Amino acid sequence: MIWNYRVPYPEWLYGAAGLNINALDLAKFDAALSEGRLLSKRALEQMWTPYRLTDDTLGRFTAGWMTRMWNGHRMVFHLGGDLVIYAHLVDEGVSVIWLTNLDPSNPYEVVSGILDRMSH
């Protein structure tokens, strides 16, 4: 089943939802982030460190990023409308960007599959 919908975002929300960007812009963003031209390594580490919850467990969301362990590697990522994903293996400096207009899709599963193939 294919769902066809468009989410109307109010203008004040354009910076957080409904952002239009292309693959080249995302690649430039990734390079600038990885090369320390946007934020220092210390700032990135702080931004990508999960918050400790009141029950003393680590949360899975921090400063706009989801955090996970993927096959023993620290991964941060952000999903956009469950159609796109920007995923970054923190210690390896490897990023995968998946853009699609296929709905429904599972970008996290797709990126995990790509990373699995890269690791073999």
PDB file of N, CA and C in Angstrom:
ATOM      1  N   MET A   1       0.842  -1.178   0.000  1.00  0.00           N
ATOM      2  CA  MET A   1       0.000   0.000   0.000  1.00  0.00           C
ATOM      3  C   MET A   1       0.889   1.244   0.000  1.00  0.00           C
ATOM      4  N   ILE A   2       0.622   2.165  -0.887  1.00  0.00           N
ATOM      5  CA  ILE A   2       1.382   3.412  -0.951  1.00  0.00           C
ATOM      6  C   ILE A   2       0.498   4.549  -0.468  1.00  0.00           C
ATOM      7  N   TRP A   3       1.029   5.305   0.467  1.00  0.00           N
ATOM      8  CA  TRP A   3       0.312   6.454   1.009  1.00  0.00           C
ATOM      9  C   TRP A   3       0.729   7.696   0.238  1.00  0.00           C
ATOM     10  N   ASN A   4      -0.205   8.512  -0.102  1.00  0.00           N
ATOM     11  CA  ASN A   4       0.097   9.750  -0.798  1.00  0.00           C
ATOM     12  C   ASN A   4      -0.422  10.902   0.053  1.00  0.00           C
ATOM     13  N   TYR A   5       0.486  11.621   0.677  1.00  0.00           N
ATOM     14  CA  TYR A   5       0.065  12.746   1.497  1.00  0.00           C
ATOM     15  C   TYR A   5       1.147  13.805   1.517  1.00  0.00           C
ATOM     16  N   ARG A   6       0.755  14.984   1.767  1.00  0.00           N
ATOM     17  CA  ARG A   6       1.682  16.094   1.945  1.00  0.00           C
ATOM     18  C   ARG A   6       1.304  16.758   3.261  1.00  0.00           C
ATOM     19  N   VAL A   7       2.316  17.018   4.052  1.00  0.00           N
ATOM     20  CA  VAL A   7       2.070  17.655   5.334  1.00  0.00           C
ATOM     21  C   VAL A   7       2.259  19.159   5.153  1.00  0.00           C
ATOM     22  N   PRO A   8       1.212  19.947   5.371  1.00  0.00           N
ATOM     23  CA  PRO A   8       1.372  21.404   5.252  1.00  0.00           C
ATOM     24  C   PRO A   8       2.000  21.966   6.527  1.00  0.00           C
ATOM     25  N   TYR A   9       3.195  22.525   6.393  1.00  0.00           N
ATOM     26  CA  TYR A   9       3.886  23.096   7.543  1.00  0.00           C
ATOM     27  C   TYR A   9       3.674  24.607   7.542  1.00  0.00           C
ATOM     28  N   PRO A  10       3.389  25.184   8.706  1.00  0.00           N
ATOM     29  CA  PRO A  10       3.300  26.639   8.774  1.00  0.00           C
ATOM     30  C   PRO A  10       4.681  27.252   8.525  1.00  0.00           C
ATOM     31  N   GLU A  11       4.702  28.445   7.980  1.00  0.00           N
ATOM     32  CA  GLU A  11       5.952  29.100   7.602  1.00  0.00           C
ATOM     33  C   GLU A  11       6.950  29.178   8.752  1.00  0.00           C
ATOM     34  N   TRP A  12       6.479  29.416   9.981  1.00  0.00           N
ATOM     35  CA  TRP A  12       7.387  29.551  11.112  1.00  0.00           C
ATOM     36  C   TRP A  12       8.103  28.242  11.441  1.00  0.00           C
ATOM     37  N   LEU A  13       7.637  27.127  10.892  1.00  0.00           N
ATOM     38  CA  LEU A  13       8.230  25.824  11.179  1.00  0.00           C
ATOM     39  C   LEU A  13       9.166  25.355  10.061  1.00  0.00           C
ATOM     40  N   TYR A  14       9.363  26.157   9.020  1.00  0.00           N
ATOM     41  CA  TYR A  14      10.156  25.726   7.874  1.00  0.00           C
ATOM     42  C   TYR A  14      11.579  25.323   8.236  1.00  0.00           C
ATOM     43  N   GLY A  15      12.178  25.911   9.239  1.00  0.00           N
ATOM     44  CA  GLY A  15      13.542  25.543   9.623  1.00  0.00           C
ATOM     45  C   GLY A  15      13.641  24.191  10.288  1.00  0.00           C
ATOM     46  N   ALA A  16      12.527  23.631  10.722  1.00  0.00           N
ATOM     47  CA  ALA A  16      12.543  22.360  11.440  1.00  0.00           C
ATOM     48  C   ALA A  16      11.746  21.275  10.735  1.00  0.00           C
ATOM     49  N   ALA A  17      10.856  21.634   9.863  1.00  0.00           N
ATOM     50  CA  ALA A  17      10.007  20.645   9.192  1.00  0.00           C
ATOM     51  C   ALA A  17       9.749  21.105   7.766  1.00  0.00           C
ATOM     52  N   GLY A  18       9.738  20.173   6.882  1.00  0.00           N
ATOM     53  CA  GLY A  18       9.488  20.514   5.503  1.00  0.00           C
ATOM     54  C   GLY A  18      10.662  21.210   4.858  1.00  0.00           C
ATOM     55  N   LEU A  19      11.847  21.076   5.448  1.00  0.00           N
ATOM     56  CA  LEU A  19      13.053  21.701   4.920  1.00  0.00           C
ATOM     57  C   LEU A  19      13.397  21.049   3.584  1.00  0.00           C
ATOM     58  N   ASN A  20      13.666  21.850   2.596  1.00  0.00           N
ATOM     59  CA  ASN A  20      14.050  21.334   1.289  1.00  0.00           C
ATOM     60  C   ASN A  20      15.558  21.445   1.131  1.00  0.00           C
ATOM     61  N   ILE A  21      16.186  20.316   0.845  1.00  0.00           N
ATOM     62  CA  ILE A  21      17.630  20.269   0.696  1.00  0.00           C
ATOM     63  C   ILE A  21      17.944  19.151  -0.288  1.00  0.00           C
ATOM     64  N   ASN A  22      19.038  19.268  -0.986  1.00  0.00           N
ATOM     65  CA  ASN A  22      19.388  18.217  -1.940  1.00  0.00           C
ATOM     66  C   ASN A  22      20.611  17.435  -1.455  1.00  0.00           C
ATOM     67  N   ALA A  23      20.951  16.398  -2.198  1.00  0.00           N
ATOM     68  CA  ALA A  23      22.042  15.512  -1.787  1.00  0.00           C
ATOM     69  C   ALA A  23      23.377  16.245  -1.730  1.00  0.00           C
ATOM     70  N   LEU A  24      23.635  17.129  -2.688  1.00  0.00           N
ATOM     71  CA  LEU A  24      24.897  17.869  -2.683  1.00  0.00           C
ATOM     72  C   LEU A  24      25.005  18.761  -1.448  1.00  0.00           C
ATOM     73  N   ASP A  25      23.914  19.450  -1.089  1.00  0.00           N
ATOM     74  CA  ASP A  25      23.921  20.282   0.116  1.00  0.00           C
ATOM     75  C   ASP A  25      24.177  19.447   1.365  1.00  0.00           C
ATOM     76  N   LEU A  26      23.561  18.276   1.436  1.00  0.00           N
ATOM     77  CA  LEU A  26      23.782  17.400   2.590  1.00  0.00           C
ATOM     78  C   LEU A  26      25.220  16.888   2.625  1.00  0.00           C
ATOM     79  N   ALA A  27      25.793  16.593   1.456  1.00  0.00           N
ATOM     80  CA  ALA A  27      27.184  16.149   1.410  1.00  0.00           C
ATOM     81  C   ALA A  27      28.118  17.269   1.880  1.00  0.00           C
ATOM     82  N   LYS A  28      27.828  18.501   1.490  1.00  0.00           N
ATOM     83  CA  LYS A  28      28.632  19.644   1.945  1.00  0.00           C
ATOM     84  C   LYS A  28      28.489  19.831   3.455  1.00  0.00           C
ATOM     85  N   PHE A  29      27.264  19.672   3.959  1.00  0.00           N
ATOM     86  CA  PHE A  29      27.026  19.763   5.402  1.00  0.00           C
ATOM     87  C   PHE A  29      27.829  18.691   6.130  1.00  0.00           C
ATOM     88  N   ASP A  30      27.787  17.472   5.621  1.00  0.00           N
ATOM     89  CA  ASP A  30      28.503  16.366   6.245  1.00  0.00           C
ATOM     90  C   ASP A  30      30.003  16.633   6.267  1.00  0.00           C
ATOM     91  N   ALA A  31      30.543  17.119   5.151  1.00  0.00           N
ATOM     92  CA  ALA A  31      31.981  17.411   5.083  1.00  0.00           C
ATOM     93  C   ALA A  31      32.351  18.503   6.081  1.00  0.00           C
ATOM     94  N   ALA A  32      31.555  19.566   6.140  1.00  0.00           N
ATOM     95  CA  ALA A  32      31.848  20.672   7.068  1.00  0.00           C
ATOM     96  C   ALA A  32      31.749  20.202   8.516  1.00  0.00           C
ATOM     97  N   LEU A  33      30.765  19.366   8.808  1.00  0.00           N
ATOM     98  CA  LEU A  33      30.604  18.839  10.167  1.00  0.00           C
ATOM     99  C   LEU A  33      31.783  17.937  10.520  1.00  0.00           C
ATOM    100  N   SER A  34      32.142  17.043   9.608  1.00  0.00           N
ATOM    101  CA  SER A  34      33.227  16.087   9.858  1.00  0.00           C
ATOM    102  C   SER A  34      34.590  16.753   9.955  1.00  0.00           C
ATOM    103  N   GLU A  35      34.784  17.830   9.218  1.00  0.00           N
ATOM    104  CA  GLU A  35      36.082  18.518   9.193  1.00  0.00           C
ATOM    105  C   GLU A  35      36.201  19.596  10.268  1.00  0.00           C
ATOM    106  N   GLY A  36      35.180  19.733  11.113  1.00  0.00           N
ATOM    107  CA  GLY A  36      35.238  20.696  12.204  1.00  0.00           C
ATOM    108  C   GLY A  36      35.035  22.142  11.775  1.00  0.00           C
ATOM    109  N   ARG A  37      34.472  22.364  10.606  1.00  0.00           N
ATOM    110  CA  ARG A  37      34.232  23.726  10.143  1.00  0.00           C
ATOM    111  C   ARG A  37      32.932  24.313  10.683  1.00  0.00           C
ATOM    112  N   LEU A  38      32.047  23.472  11.225  1.00  0.00           N
ATOM    113  CA  LEU A  38      30.789  23.960  11.803  1.00  0.00           C
ATOM    114  C   LEU A  38      30.856  24.051  13.315  1.00  0.00           C
ATOM    115  N   LEU A  39      31.327  22.987  13.925  1.00  0.00           N
ATOM    116  CA  LEU A  39      31.420  22.906  15.384  1.00  0.00           C
ATOM    117  C   LEU A  39      32.725  22.216  15.750  1.00  0.00           C
ATOM    118  N   SER A  40      33.229  22.545  16.914  1.00  0.00           N
ATOM    119  CA  SER A  40      34.449  21.879  17.377  1.00  0.00           C
ATOM    120  C   SER A  40      34.141  20.420  17.717  1.00  0.00           C
ATOM    121  N   LYS A  41      35.195  19.617  17.755  1.00  0.00           N
ATOM    122  CA  LYS A  41      35.034  18.208  18.125  1.00  0.00           C
ATOM    123  C   LYS A  41      34.405  18.098  19.521  1.00  0.00           C
ATOM    124  N   ARG A  42      34.820  18.971  20.412  1.00  0.00           N
ATOM    125  CA  ARG A  42      34.264  18.977  21.781  1.00  0.00           C
ATOM    126  C   ARG A  42      32.772  19.286  21.768  1.00  0.00           C
ATOM    127  N   ALA A  43      32.358  20.259  20.959  1.00  0.00           N
ATOM    128  CA  ALA A  43      30.944  20.614  20.870  1.00  0.00           C
ATOM    129  C   ALA A  43      30.134  19.463  20.269  1.00  0.00           C
ATOM    130  N   LEU A  44      30.692  18.809  19.237  1.00  0.00           N
ATOM    131  CA  LEU A  44      29.997  17.660  18.641  1.00  0.00           C
ATOM    132  C   LEU A  44      29.853  16.537  19.653  1.00  0.00           C
ATOM    133  N   GLU A  45      30.919  16.259  20.380  1.00  0.00           N
ATOM    134  CA  GLU A  45      30.873  15.190  21.384  1.00  0.00           C
ATOM    135  C   GLU A  45      29.804  15.480  22.431  1.00  0.00           C
ATOM    136  N   GLN A  46      29.741  16.728  22.845  1.00  0.00           N
ATOM    137  CA  GLN A  46      28.732  17.122  23.826  1.00  0.00           C
ATOM    138  C   GLN A  46      27.328  17.000  23.227  1.00  0.00           C
ATOM    139  N   MET A  47      27.188  17.423  21.982  1.00  0.00           N
ATOM    140  CA  MET A  47      25.892  17.374  21.324  1.00  0.00           C
ATOM    141  C   MET A  47      25.431  15.943  21.096  1.00  0.00           C
ATOM    142  N   TRP A  48      26.382  15.031  20.887  1.00  0.00           N
ATOM    143  CA  TRP A  48      26.036  13.655  20.574  1.00  0.00           C
ATOM    144  C   TRP A  48      26.052  12.732  21.791  1.00  0.00           C
ATOM    145  N   THR A  49      26.229  13.278  22.977  1.00  0.00           N
ATOM    146  CA  THR A  49      26.202  12.470  24.191  1.00  0.00           C
ATOM    147  C   THR A  49      24.776  12.410  24.722  1.00  0.00           C
ATOM    148  N   PRO A  50      24.232  11.202  24.847  1.00  0.00           N
ATOM    149  CA  PRO A  50      22.852  11.081  25.325  1.00  0.00           C
ATOM    150  C   PRO A  50      22.706  11.599  26.756  1.00  0.00           C
ATOM    151  N   TYR A  51      21.546  12.121  27.023  1.00  0.00           N
ATOM    152  CA  TYR A  51      21.222  12.583  28.372  1.00  0.00           C
ATOM    153  C   TYR A  51      20.985  11.401  29.286  1.00  0.00           C
ATOM    154  N   ARG A  52      21.381  11.541  30.532  1.00  0.00           N
ATOM    155  CA  ARG A  52      21.095  10.517  31.534  1.00  0.00           C
ATOM    156  C   ARG A  52      19.702  10.789  32.075  1.00  0.00           C
ATOM    157  N   LEU A  53      18.844   9.786  32.046  1.00  0.00           N
ATOM    158  CA  LEU A  53      17.465   9.921  32.499  1.00  0.00           C
ATOM    159  C   LEU A  53      17.366   9.752  34.012  1.00  0.00           C
ATOM    160  N   THR A  54      16.218  10.067  34.558  1.00  0.00           N
ATOM    161  CA  THR A  54      16.044  10.005  36.009  1.00  0.00           C
ATOM    162  C   THR A  54      16.191   8.596  36.567  1.00  0.00           C
ATOM    163  N   ASP A  55      15.980   7.567  35.718  1.00  0.00           N
ATOM    164  CA  ASP A  55      16.173   6.193  36.191  1.00  0.00           C
ATOM    165  C   ASP A  55      17.610   5.716  35.954  1.00  0.00           C
ATOM    166  N   ASP A  56      18.504   6.645  35.630  1.00  0.00           N
ATOM    167  CA  ASP A  56      19.937   6.440  35.432  1.00  0.00           C
ATOM    168  C   ASP A  56      20.285   5.713  34.128  1.00  0.00           C
ATOM    169  N   THR A  57      19.314   5.531  33.235  1.00  0.00           N
ATOM    170  CA  THR A  57      19.623   4.985  31.915  1.00  0.00           C
ATOM    171  C   THR A  57      19.897   6.142  30.959  1.00  0.00           C
ATOM    172  N   LEU A  58      20.538   5.820  29.848  1.00  0.00           N
ATOM    173  CA  LEU A  58      20.808   6.841  28.848  1.00  0.00           C
ATOM    174  C   LEU A  58      19.625   6.952  27.888  1.00  0.00           C
ATOM    175  N   GLY A  59      19.255   8.181  27.581  1.00  0.00           N
ATOM    176  CA  GLY A  59      18.204   8.406  26.603  1.00  0.00           C
ATOM    177  C   GLY A  59      18.705   8.092  25.209  1.00  0.00           C
ATOM    178  N   ARG A  60      17.788   8.035  24.256  1.00  0.00           N
ATOM    179  CA  ARG A  60      18.162   7.709  22.882  1.00  0.00           C
ATOM    180  C   ARG A  60      18.030   8.922  21.963  1.00  0.00           C
ATOM    181  N   PHE A  61      17.817  10.082  22.535  1.00  0.00           N
ATOM    182  CA  PHE A  61      17.664  11.308  21.756  1.00  0.00           C
ATOM    183  C   PHE A  61      18.435  12.402  22.459  1.00  0.00           C
ATOM    184  N   THR A  62      19.206  13.160  21.714  1.00  0.00           N
ATOM    185  CA  THR A  62      19.979  14.224  22.322  1.00  0.00           C
ATOM    186  C   THR A  62      20.219  15.349  21.336  1.00  0.00           C
ATOM    187  N   ALA A  63      19.899  16.556  21.712  1.00  0.00           N
ATOM    188  CA  ALA A  63      20.199  17.762  20.931  1.00  0.00           C
ATOM    189  C   ALA A  63      19.828  17.634  19.460  1.00  0.00           C
ATOM    190  N   GLY A  64      18.670  17.086  19.173  1.00  0.00           N
ATOM    191  CA  GLY A  64      18.200  16.970  17.797  1.00  0.00           C
ATOM    192  C   GLY A  64      18.648  15.719  17.066  1.00  0.00           C
ATOM    193  N   TRP A  65      19.395  14.866  17.720  1.00  0.00           N
ATOM    194  CA  TRP A  65      19.903  13.640  17.104  1.00  0.00           C
ATOM    195  C   TRP A  65      19.396  12.426  17.874  1.00  0.00           C
ATOM    196  N   MET A  66      19.107  11.352  17.161  1.00  0.00           N
ATOM    197  CA  MET A  66      18.856  10.062  17.787  1.00  0.00           C
ATOM    198  C   MET A  66      20.227   9.406  17.967  1.00  0.00           C
ATOM    199  N   THR A  67      20.378   8.627  19.012  1.00  0.00           N
ATOM    200  CA  THR A  67      21.642   7.927  19.246  1.00  0.00           C
ATOM    201  C   THR A  67      21.368   6.435  19.374  1.00  0.00           C
ATOM    202  N   ARG A  68      22.234   5.648  18.802  1.00  0.00           N
ATOM    203  CA  ARG A  68      22.125   4.191  18.878  1.00  0.00           C
ATOM    204  C   ARG A  68      23.526   3.606  18.842  1.00  0.00           C
ATOM    205  N   MET A  69      23.627   2.371  19.285  1.00  0.00           N
ATOM    206  CA  MET A  69      24.827   1.573  19.031  1.00  0.00           C
ATOM    207  C   MET A  69      24.474   0.693  17.839  1.00  0.00           C
ATOM    208  N   TRP A  70      25.297   0.715  16.833  1.00  0.00           N
ATOM    209  CA  TRP A  70      25.091  -0.114  15.652  1.00  0.00           C
ATOM    210  C   TRP A  70      26.300  -1.024  15.511  1.00  0.00           C
ATOM    211  N   ASN A  71      26.096  -2.322  15.718  1.00  0.00           N
ATOM    212  CA  ASN A  71      27.180  -3.309  15.635  1.00  0.00           C
ATOM    213  C   ASN A  71      28.426  -2.870  16.403  1.00  0.00           C
ATOM    214  N   GLY A  72      28.209  -2.325  17.596  1.00  0.00           N
ATOM    215  CA  GLY A  72      29.321  -1.910  18.448  1.00  0.00           C
ATOM    216  C   GLY A  72      29.875  -0.528  18.136  1.00  0.00           C
ATOM    217  N   HIS A  73      29.254   0.194  17.232  1.00  0.00           N
ATOM    218  CA  HIS A  73      29.706   1.529  16.840  1.00  0.00           C
ATOM    219  C   HIS A  73      28.680   2.572  17.276  1.00  0.00           C
ATOM    220  N   ARG A  74      29.169   3.709  17.764  1.00  0.00           N
ATOM    221  CA  ARG A  74      28.259   4.804  18.129  1.00  0.00           C
ATOM    222  C   ARG A  74      27.719   5.441  16.857  1.00  0.00           C
ATOM    223  N   MET A  75      26.410   5.526  16.764  1.00  0.00           N
ATOM    224  CA  MET A  75      25.780   6.132  15.605  1.00  0.00           C
ATOM    225  C   MET A  75      24.837   7.240  16.063  1.00  0.00           C
ATOM    226  N   VAL A  76      24.894   8.363  15.381  1.00  0.00           N
ATOM    227  CA  VAL A  76      23.918   9.430  15.567  1.00  0.00           C
ATOM    228  C   VAL A  76      23.202   9.591  14.234  1.00  0.00           C
ATOM    229  N   PHE A  77      21.927   9.936  14.301  1.00  0.00           N
ATOM    230  CA  PHE A  77      21.189  10.088  13.057  1.00  0.00           C
ATOM    231  C   PHE A  77      19.978  10.978  13.281  1.00  0.00           C
ATOM    232  N   HIS A  78      19.432  11.418  12.182  1.00  0.00           N
ATOM    233  CA  HIS A  78      18.188  12.187  12.243  1.00  0.00           C
ATOM    234  C   HIS A  78      17.323  11.761  11.071  1.00  0.00           C
ATOM    235  N   LEU A  79      16.090  11.441  11.386  1.00  0.00           N
ATOM    236  CA  LEU A  79      15.104  11.057  10.378  1.00  0.00           C
ATOM    237  C   LEU A  79      14.278  12.269   9.984  1.00  0.00           C
ATOM    238  N   GLY A  80      13.891  12.309   8.744  1.00  0.00           N
ATOM    239  CA  GLY A  80      13.002  13.373   8.287  1.00  0.00           C
ATOM    240  C   GLY A  80      11.724  12.777   7.740  1.00  0.00           C
ATOM    241  N   GLY A  81      10.658  12.911   8.498  1.00  0.00           N
ATOM    242  CA  GLY A  81       9.354  12.437   8.050  1.00  0.00           C
ATOM    243  C   GLY A  81       9.313  10.957   7.721  1.00  0.00           C
ATOM    244  N   ASP A  82      10.214  10.190   8.275  1.00  0.00           N
ATOM    245  CA  ASP A  82      10.342   8.759   7.992  1.00  0.00           C
ATOM    246  C   ASP A  82      10.550   8.478   6.505  1.00  0.00           C
ATOM    247  N   LEU A  83      11.102   9.470   5.791  1.00  0.00           N
ATOM    248  CA  LEU A  83      11.402   9.305   4.371  1.00  0.00           C
ATOM    249  C   LEU A  83      12.890   9.462   4.081  1.00  0.00           C
ATOM    250  N   VAL A  84      13.587  10.202   4.918  1.00  0.00           N
ATOM    251  CA  VAL A  84      15.011  10.463   4.701  1.00  0.00           C
ATOM    252  C   VAL A  84      15.761  10.259   6.011  1.00  0.00           C
ATOM    253  N   ILE A  85      17.061  10.031   5.888  1.00  0.00           N
ATOM    254  CA  ILE A  85      17.880   9.862   7.081  1.00  0.00           C
ATOM    255  C   ILE A  85      19.301  10.347   6.786  1.00  0.00           C
ATOM    256  N   TYR A  86      19.879  10.967   7.781  1.00  0.00           N
ATOM    257  CA  TYR A  86      21.301  11.311   7.792  1.00  0.00           C
ATOM    258  C   TYR A  86      21.860  10.552   8.984  1.00  0.00           C
ATOM    259  N   ALA A  87      22.738   9.587   8.732  1.00  0.00           N
ATOM    260  CA  ALA A  87      23.306   8.761   9.799  1.00  0.00           C
ATOM    261  C   ALA A  87      24.820   8.893   9.784  1.00  0.00           C
ATOM    262  N   HIS A  88      25.409   8.956  10.974  1.00  0.00           N
ATOM    263  CA  HIS A  88      26.858   9.164  11.093  1.00  0.00           C
ATOM    264  C   HIS A  88      27.422   8.235  12.163  1.00  0.00           C
ATOM    265  N   LEU A  89      28.411   7.431  11.768  1.00  0.00           N
ATOM    266  CA  LEU A  89      29.147   6.624  12.743  1.00  0.00           C
ATOM    267  C   LEU A  89      30.214   7.529  13.333  1.00  0.00           C
ATOM    268  N   VAL A  90      30.058   7.885  14.584  1.00  0.00           N
ATOM    269  CA  VAL A  90      30.843   8.928  15.229  1.00  0.00           C
ATOM    270  C   VAL A  90      32.341   8.639  15.193  1.00  0.00           C
ATOM    271  N   ASP A  91      32.758   7.499  15.658  1.00  0.00           N
ATOM    272  CA  ASP A  91      34.186   7.217  15.802  1.00  0.00           C
ATOM    273  C   ASP A  91      34.860   6.854  14.478  1.00  0.00           C
ATOM    274  N   GLU A  92      34.103   6.398  13.503  1.00  0.00           N
ATOM    275  CA  GLU A  92      34.655   6.015  12.210  1.00  0.00           C
ATOM    276  C   GLU A  92      34.631   7.168  11.208  1.00  0.00           C
ATOM    277  N   GLY A  93      33.801   8.170  11.476  1.00  0.00           N
ATOM    278  CA  GLY A  93      33.689   9.288  10.551  1.00  0.00           C
ATOM    279  C   GLY A  93      33.000   8.916   9.249  1.00  0.00           C
ATOM    280  N   VAL A  94      32.126   7.937   9.307  1.00  0.00           N
ATOM    281  CA  VAL A  94      31.398   7.470   8.123  1.00  0.00           C
ATOM    282  C   VAL A  94      29.956   7.951   8.218  1.00  0.00           C
ATOM    283  N   SER A  95      29.472   8.512   7.129  1.00  0.00           N
ATOM    284  CA  SER A  95      28.080   8.975   7.087  1.00  0.00           C
ATOM    285  C   SER A  95      27.355   8.318   5.924  1.00  0.00           C
ATOM    286  N   VAL A  96      26.075   8.081   6.124  1.00  0.00           N
ATOM    287  CA  VAL A  96      25.203   7.594   5.056  1.00  0.00           C
ATOM    288  C   VAL A  96      23.996   8.512   5.022  1.00  0.00           C
ATOM    289  N   ILE A  97      23.704   8.998   3.835  1.00  0.00           N
ATOM    290  CA  ILE A  97      22.546   9.876   3.632  1.00  0.00           C
ATOM    291  C   ILE A  97      21.605   9.170   2.671  1.00  0.00           C
ATOM    292  N   TRP A  98      20.355   9.013   3.079  1.00  0.00           N
ATOM    293  CA  TRP A  98      19.362   8.331   2.256  1.00  0.00           C
ATOM    294  C   TRP A  98      18.192   9.282   2.049  1.00  0.00           C
ATOM    295  N   LEU A  99      17.938   9.625   0.799  1.00  0.00           N
ATOM    296  CA  LEU A  99      16.820  10.489   0.443  1.00  0.00           C
ATOM    297  C   LEU A  99      15.859   9.697  -0.434  1.00  0.00           C
ATOM    298  N   THR A 100      14.590   9.766  -0.129  1.00  0.00           N
ATOM    299  CA  THR A 100      13.603   9.059  -0.935  1.00  0.00           C
ATOM    300  C   THR A 100      12.277   9.795  -0.879  1.00  0.00           C
ATOM    301  N   ASN A 101      11.455   9.569  -1.871  1.00  0.00           N
ATOM    302  CA  ASN A 101      10.077  10.046  -1.799  1.00  0.00           C
ATOM    303  C   ASN A 101       9.122   8.869  -1.708  1.00  0.00           C
ATOM    304  N   LEU A 102       9.677   7.701  -1.432  1.00  0.00           N
ATOM    305  CA  LEU A 102       8.893   6.485  -1.290  1.00  0.00           C
ATOM    306  C   LEU A 102       8.248   6.464   0.089  1.00  0.00           C
ATOM    307  N   ASP A 103       6.972   6.346   0.111  1.00  0.00           N
ATOM    308  CA  ASP A 103       6.257   6.295   1.373  1.00  0.00           C
ATOM    309  C   ASP A 103       5.259   5.163   1.306  1.00  0.00           C
ATOM    310  N   PRO A 104       5.203   4.232   2.207  1.00  0.00           N
ATOM    311  CA  PRO A 104       6.027   4.214   3.414  1.00  0.00           C
ATOM    312  C   PRO A 104       7.404   3.637   3.116  1.00  0.00           C
ATOM    313  N   SER A 105       8.349   4.058   3.893  1.00  0.00           N
ATOM    314  CA  SER A 105       9.701   3.516   3.784  1.00  0.00           C
ATOM    315  C   SER A 105      10.256   3.369   5.188  1.00  0.00           C
ATOM    316  N   ASN A 106      11.383   2.730   5.293  1.00  0.00           N
ATOM    317  CA  ASN A 106      12.022   2.566   6.587  1.00  0.00           C
ATOM    318  C   ASN A 106      13.489   2.942   6.422  1.00  0.00           C
ATOM    319  N   PRO A 107      13.792   4.263   6.450  1.00  0.00           N
ATOM    320  CA  PRO A 107      15.163   4.699   6.187  1.00  0.00           C
ATOM    321  C   PRO A 107      16.189   4.103   7.142  1.00  0.00           C
ATOM    322  N   TYR A 108      15.827   3.904   8.405  1.00  0.00           N
ATOM    323  CA  TYR A 108      16.779   3.335   9.365  1.00  0.00           C
ATOM    324  C   TYR A 108      17.174   1.920   8.932  1.00  0.00           C
ATOM    325  N   GLU A 109      16.212   1.152   8.495  1.00  0.00           N
ATOM    326  CA  GLU A 109      16.487  -0.213   8.031  1.00  0.00           C
ATOM    327  C   GLU A 109      17.359  -0.194   6.773  1.00  0.00           C
ATOM    328  N   VAL A 110      17.079   0.717   5.860  1.00  0.00           N
ATOM    329  CA  VAL A 110      17.871   0.836   4.631  1.00  0.00           C
ATOM    330  C   VAL A 110      19.316   1.192   4.973  1.00  0.00           C
ATOM    331  N   VAL A 111      19.509   2.200   5.827  1.00  0.00           N
ATOM    332  CA  VAL A 111      20.860   2.622   6.205  1.00  0.00           C
ATOM    333  C   VAL A 111      21.587   1.492   6.944  1.00  0.00           C
ATOM    334  N   SER A 112      20.899   0.778   7.806  1.00  0.00           N
ATOM    335  CA  SER A 112      21.524  -0.355   8.486  1.00  0.00           C
ATOM    336  C   SER A 112      22.003  -1.387   7.476  1.00  0.00           C
ATOM    337  N   GLY A 113      21.200  -1.653   6.442  1.00  0.00           N
ATOM    338  CA  GLY A 113      21.599  -2.582   5.394  1.00  0.00           C
ATOM    339  C   GLY A 113      22.810  -2.091   4.626  1.00  0.00           C
ATOM    340  N   ILE A 114      22.860  -0.797   4.323  1.00  0.00           N
ATOM    341  CA  ILE A 114      24.017  -0.227   3.630  1.00  0.00           C
ATOM    342  C   ILE A 114      25.264  -0.373   4.486  1.00  0.00           C
ATOM    343  N   LEU A 115      25.145  -0.029   5.761  1.00  0.00           N
ATOM    344  CA  LEU A 115      26.293  -0.149   6.673  1.00  0.00           C
ATOM    345  C   LEU A 115      26.739  -1.600   6.807  1.00  0.00           C
ATOM    346  N   ASP A 116      25.773  -2.522   6.859  1.00  0.00           N
ATOM    347  CA  ASP A 116      26.121  -3.953   6.923  1.00  0.00           C
ATOM    348  C   ASP A 116      26.968  -4.344   5.719  1.00  0.00           C
ATOM    349  N   ARG A 117      26.585  -3.904   4.531  1.00  0.00           N
ATOM    350  CA  ARG A 117      27.324  -4.247   3.309  1.00  0.00           C
ATOM    351  C   ARG A 117      28.703  -3.601   3.302  1.00  0.00           C
ATOM    352  N   MET A 118      28.810  -2.387   3.846  1.00  0.00           N
ATOM    353  CA  MET A 118      30.089  -1.689   3.887  1.00  0.00           C
ATOM    354  C   MET A 118      31.076  -2.376   4.832  1.00  0.00           C
ATOM    355  N   SER A 119      30.552  -3.040   5.859  1.00  0.00           N
ATOM    356  CA  SER A 119      31.427  -3.617   6.883  1.00  0.00           C
ATOM    357  C   SER A 119      31.946  -4.993   6.495  1.00  0.00           C
ATOM    358  N   HIS A 120      31.497  -5.510   5.371  1.00  0.00           N
ATOM    359  CA  HIS A 120      31.979  -6.849   4.932  1.00  0.00           C
ATOM    360  C   HIS A 120      33.034  -6.726   3.884  1.00  0.00           C
TER     361      HIS A 120
END
